[in-house]
Amino acid sequence: MGGKQKYIFVTGGVLSGVGKGITAASIGTVLRAKGVGVSIQKCDPYLNVDAGLLNPREHGECFVTKDGAETDLDLGHYERFLDIELTHKNITLSGKLFSDLIAAERAGDFAGKTVQLVPHFTQAIQKAIAEAVDGDVHIVEIGGTVGDYESLSFVESIREFAQKVGRANCLFIHVVYVPFIGTSKEFKTKPAQNAVRDLRSFGIMPDAIVVRTDKKAPLSVAQKISLFSGVPEDNVL
């Protein structure tokens, strides 16, 4: 590993529920099988303070960590796939960060400075990421869909984070959906192309793209996504 902390950031495009959590957990499982120490975290842009009051019909059952944190079900996937126990440090919601930020401002911790999304909120996200690190490779799943208003601060935060720790120590993986149109019997890559373009417009060039489909897709799908995204074909999975 070169003695330097490594990070993998998993983002999603096209639609929510595309499989970022399973992708992140699967990557971690492969790395652990190779003998690499792995830690993992989910950053969710929801304004909820925790997942305790989230509708289980929309988000799945609430998963409770060993220290009592009420979290997203993705942490359950992480624990089962990686065979590790997680804590409150492994889940970061906007609502909790905003709550802490406002409390700090009310207490005078900013000494009269104007508190802003950038840099104060983005730095809070970065601090949460740094505090959750507990392995040679730290995997961070960014919830939601790139391009959503609520996700912008998280995308900007990981862009800045990569600058701070060195781009060579960060791997960006973008998970996209390619629909199959039944009437014309063809796969359409345009939504995926647009999703990659959205990520690039925020200053992040993905190193790899994970494509989710309803049916087994031909190689031409990977070739087309590679051509229009600038990501090498071998890195389109």
Protein backbone atom coordinates (compact mmCIF):
# COMPACT_ATOMS: atom_id res chain seq x y z
CA MET A 1 0.00 0.00 0.00
CA GLY A 2 3.04 2.27 0.00
CA GLY A 3 2.52 3.12 3.68
CA LYS A 4 -0.07 5.76 2.79
CA GLN A 5 -3.76 5.70 3.70
CA LYS A 6 -5.92 4.87 0.67
CA TYR A 7 -9.53 5.87 0.03
CA ILE A 8 -12.24 4.56 -2.28
CA PHE A 9 -15.23 6.82 -2.91
CA VAL A 10 -18.38 5.25 -4.35
CA THR A 11 -20.93 7.58 -5.95
CA GLY A 12 -24.10 6.90 -7.92
CA GLY A 13 -25.76 8.28 -11.00
CA VAL A 14 -28.98 7.99 -13.07
CA LEU A 15 -31.22 6.98 -10.15
CA SER A 16 -31.16 6.20 -6.45
CA GLY A 17 -31.10 2.61 -5.22
CA VAL A 18 -28.71 1.68 -8.02
CA GLY A 19 -26.60 -0.55 -5.75
CA LYS A 20 -23.88 1.68 -4.32
CA GLY A 21 -24.02 -0.07 -0.95
CA ILE A 22 -23.69 -3.56 -2.39
CA THR A 23 -20.90 -2.31 -4.69
CA ALA A 24 -18.99 -0.76 -1.78
CA ALA A 25 -19.42 -3.86 0.38
CA SER A 26 -18.36 -6.15 -2.49
CA ILE A 27 -15.20 -4.13 -3.15
CA GLY A 28 -14.38 -4.32 0.54
CA THR A 29 -14.92 -8.09 0.54
CA VAL A 30 -12.52 -8.56 -2.38
CA LEU A 31 -9.87 -6.42 -0.66
CA ARG A 32 -10.24 -8.30 2.63
CA ALA A 33 -9.85 -11.59 0.75
CA LYS A 34 -6.51 -10.20 -0.48
CA GLY A 35 -5.42 -9.54 3.10
CA VAL A 36 -6.01 -5.77 3.04
CA GLY A 37 -7.34 -4.04 6.15
CA VAL A 38 -10.63 -2.36 5.24
CA SER A 39 -12.92 0.16 6.95
CA ILE A 40 -16.15 1.49 5.48
CA GLN A 41 -18.55 4.39 5.92
CA LYS A 42 -21.77 5.78 4.47
CA CYS A 43 -22.30 9.51 4.00
CA ASP A 44 -25.98 10.29 3.51
CA PRO A 45 -27.22 13.73 2.41
CA TYR A 46 -30.59 13.35 4.17
CA LEU A 47 -31.38 16.10 6.68
CA ASN A 48 -32.35 13.46 9.25
CA VAL A 49 -30.14 13.26 12.35
CA ASP A 50 -30.22 9.45 12.23
CA ALA A 51 -32.21 6.71 10.50
CA GLY A 52 -34.45 5.97 13.49
CA LEU A 53 -37.46 7.83 12.07
CA LEU A 54 -36.97 6.99 8.38
CA ASN A 55 -39.83 5.13 6.70
CA PRO A 56 -38.81 1.44 6.44
CA ARG A 57 -40.98 1.04 3.33
CA GLU A 58 -38.66 3.49 1.55
CA HIS A 59 -35.33 2.75 3.19
CA GLY A 60 -35.52 -0.79 4.54
CA GLU A 61 -35.37 -1.73 8.20
CA CYS A 62 -33.32 0.47 10.52
CA PHE A 63 -29.97 -1.18 11.36
CA VAL A 64 -28.63 -0.66 14.89
CA THR A 65 -24.88 -0.80 15.49
CA LYS A 66 -23.22 -2.28 18.57
CA ASP A 67 -22.99 1.19 20.20
CA GLY A 68 -26.70 1.86 19.64
CA ALA A 69 -26.56 4.10 16.56
CA GLU A 70 -29.70 3.90 14.41
CA THR A 71 -28.43 3.69 10.86
CA ASP A 72 -29.24 2.97 7.23
CA LEU A 73 -29.64 -0.67 6.21
CA ASP A 74 -26.48 -0.39 4.10
CA LEU A 75 -24.46 -0.72 7.31
CA GLY A 76 -26.07 -4.13 7.74
CA HIS A 77 -24.80 -5.08 4.28
CA TYR A 78 -21.35 -3.80 5.24
CA GLU A 79 -21.23 -5.90 8.41
CA ARG A 80 -22.44 -9.09 6.71
CA PHE A 81 -20.15 -8.76 3.70
CA LEU A 82 -17.04 -7.66 5.60
CA ASP A 83 -17.58 -9.60 8.84
CA ILE A 84 -16.78 -6.53 10.95
CA GLU A 85 -18.73 -4.59 13.59
CA LEU A 86 -19.45 -0.93 12.92
CA THR A 87 -20.28 2.07 15.13
CA HIS A 88 -21.81 5.55 14.88
CA LYS A 89 -18.59 6.70 13.18
CA ASN A 90 -19.47 4.63 10.12
CA ILE A 91 -22.63 6.60 9.31
CA THR A 92 -22.69 10.34 8.56
CA LEU A 93 -25.97 12.17 7.89
CA SER A 94 -26.35 15.80 6.89
CA GLY A 95 -28.83 16.43 9.70
CA LYS A 96 -26.32 15.37 12.38
CA LEU A 97 -23.55 17.49 10.86
CA PHE A 98 -25.80 20.54 10.49
CA SER A 99 -27.04 20.09 14.06
CA ASP A 100 -23.47 19.99 15.40
CA LEU A 101 -22.43 22.91 13.19
CA ILE A 102 -25.29 25.14 14.34
CA ALA A 103 -24.65 24.22 17.99
CA ALA A 104 -20.99 25.17 17.57
CA GLU A 105 -21.96 28.48 15.97
CA ARG A 106 -24.41 29.25 18.80
CA ALA A 107 -21.66 28.49 21.32
CA GLY A 108 -19.39 31.04 19.65
CA ASP A 109 -16.88 28.51 18.36
CA PHE A 110 -16.56 30.38 15.04
CA ALA A 111 -15.77 33.70 16.76
CA GLY A 112 -18.21 35.67 14.66
CA LYS A 113 -17.20 34.24 11.28
CA THR A 114 -19.84 33.70 8.61
CA VAL A 115 -20.66 29.98 8.68
CA GLN A 116 -21.04 28.58 5.15
CA LEU A 117 -21.52 25.31 3.30
CA VAL A 118 -18.01 25.77 1.91
CA PRO A 119 -15.74 25.56 3.82
CA HIS A 120 -17.43 24.81 7.15
CA PHE A 121 -19.93 22.11 6.21
CA THR A 122 -17.58 20.44 3.70
CA GLN A 123 -14.83 20.42 6.32
CA ALA A 124 -17.23 18.79 8.80
CA ILE A 125 -17.83 16.02 6.24
CA GLN A 126 -14.09 15.59 5.72
CA LYS A 127 -13.50 15.43 9.48
CA ALA A 128 -16.17 12.72 9.79
CA ILE A 129 -14.45 10.73 7.03
CA ALA A 130 -11.03 11.05 8.65
CA GLU A 131 -12.38 9.96 12.05
CA ALA A 132 -13.97 6.81 10.59
CA VAL A 133 -10.72 5.49 9.08
CA ASP A 134 -9.71 2.15 10.58
CA GLY A 135 -7.89 0.20 7.88
CA ASP A 136 -5.38 0.36 5.04
CA VAL A 137 -8.24 1.23 2.67
CA HIS A 138 -11.23 3.30 3.76
CA ILE A 139 -14.33 2.94 1.56
CA VAL A 140 -16.84 5.80 1.56
CA GLU A 141 -20.26 5.47 -0.04
CA ILE A 142 -21.92 8.78 -0.91
CA GLY A 143 -25.68 8.33 -0.67
CA GLY A 144 -28.17 9.73 -3.14
CA THR A 145 -27.55 10.58 -6.77
CA VAL A 146 -24.85 12.90 -8.10
CA GLY A 147 -26.59 16.05 -9.33
CA ASP A 148 -29.17 16.15 -6.54
CA TYR A 149 -29.08 19.49 -4.72
CA GLU A 150 -28.68 17.79 -1.36
CA SER A 151 -25.64 15.79 -2.54
CA LEU A 152 -23.61 18.72 -3.87
CA SER A 153 -21.81 19.46 -0.60
CA PHE A 154 -20.73 15.81 -0.25
CA VAL A 155 -19.42 15.64 -3.81
CA GLU A 156 -17.51 18.90 -3.31
CA SER A 157 -16.20 17.61 0.00
CA ILE A 158 -14.67 14.44 -1.44
CA ARG A 159 -13.20 16.44 -4.34
CA GLU A 160 -11.44 18.68 -1.81
CA PHE A 161 -10.52 15.67 0.32
CA ALA A 162 -8.70 14.06 -2.63
CA GLN A 163 -6.69 17.24 -3.09
CA LYS A 164 -5.67 17.22 0.57
CA VAL A 165 -4.60 13.57 0.81
CA GLY A 166 -3.31 13.31 -2.77
CA ARG A 167 -5.27 12.22 -5.80
CA ALA A 168 -3.02 9.16 -6.15
CA ASN A 169 -4.36 7.91 -2.80
CA CYS A 170 -8.01 8.09 -3.88
CA LEU A 171 -10.08 5.92 -6.20
CA PHE A 172 -13.43 7.24 -7.47
CA ILE A 173 -16.00 4.65 -8.56
CA HIS A 174 -19.27 5.76 -10.15
CA VAL A 175 -22.23 3.32 -10.16
CA VAL A 176 -24.71 3.88 -13.01
CA TYR A 177 -27.81 2.25 -14.44
CA VAL A 178 -28.25 1.26 -18.10
CA PRO A 179 -31.91 0.58 -18.96
CA PHE A 180 -33.05 -2.04 -21.46
CA ILE A 181 -35.86 -0.81 -23.71
CA GLY A 182 -38.18 -3.72 -24.40
CA THR A 183 -39.88 -2.30 -27.50
CA SER A 184 -36.64 -1.75 -29.40
CA LYS A 185 -34.72 -4.57 -27.65
CA GLU A 186 -31.68 -2.40 -26.96
CA PHE A 187 -29.66 -1.01 -24.07
CA LYS A 188 -29.53 2.78 -23.75
CA THR A 189 -26.30 4.23 -22.36
CA LYS A 190 -27.26 7.91 -22.62
CA PRO A 191 -28.47 8.19 -18.97
CA ALA A 192 -25.15 6.67 -17.83
CA GLN A 193 -23.18 9.03 -20.08
CA ASN A 194 -25.05 11.99 -18.60
CA ALA A 195 -24.44 10.70 -15.05
CA VAL A 196 -20.68 10.56 -15.67
CA ARG A 197 -20.82 14.04 -17.22
CA ASP A 198 -22.56 15.31 -14.07
CA LEU A 199 -19.77 13.93 -11.88
CA ARG A 200 -17.06 15.39 -14.11
CA SER A 201 -18.79 18.79 -14.05
CA PHE A 202 -18.19 18.85 -10.28
CA GLY A 203 -14.46 18.29 -10.75
CA ILE A 204 -14.27 14.52 -10.24
CA MET A 205 -13.05 12.19 -12.98
CA PRO A 206 -14.09 8.64 -12.09
CA ASP A 207 -11.39 5.97 -12.21
CA ALA A 208 -13.91 3.17 -12.75
CA ILE A 209 -17.58 2.79 -13.62
CA VAL A 210 -19.83 0.00 -12.35
CA VAL A 211 -22.81 -0.57 -14.66
CA ARG A 212 -26.05 -2.08 -13.33
CA THR A 213 -28.51 -3.60 -15.82
CA ASP A 214 -31.66 -5.76 -15.71
CA LYS A 215 -30.27 -8.11 -18.34
CA LYS A 216 -26.80 -9.28 -19.28
CA ALA A 217 -25.37 -6.50 -21.42
CA PRO A 218 -23.12 -6.96 -24.48
CA LEU A 219 -19.54 -5.69 -24.52
CA SER A 220 -20.65 -2.81 -26.74
CA VAL A 221 -22.28 -1.17 -23.70
CA ALA A 222 -18.93 -0.95 -21.88
CA GLN A 223 -17.22 0.21 -25.05
CA LYS A 224 -19.73 3.02 -25.58
CA ILE A 225 -19.60 4.19 -21.98
CA SER A 226 -15.80 4.14 -22.11
CA LEU A 227 -15.75 6.14 -25.33
CA PHE A 228 -18.00 8.91 -24.05
CA SER A 229 -16.76 9.04 -20.44
CA GLY A 230 -13.00 8.89 -20.92
CA VAL A 231 -12.74 5.92 -18.55
CA PRO A 232 -10.64 3.01 -19.92
CA GLU A 233 -12.76 0.11 -21.15
CA ASP A 234 -11.10 -2.28 -18.69
CA ASN A 235 -12.37 -0.05 -15.88
CA VAL A 236 -16.01 -0.28 -16.96
CA LEU A 237 -17.49 -3.25 -15.10
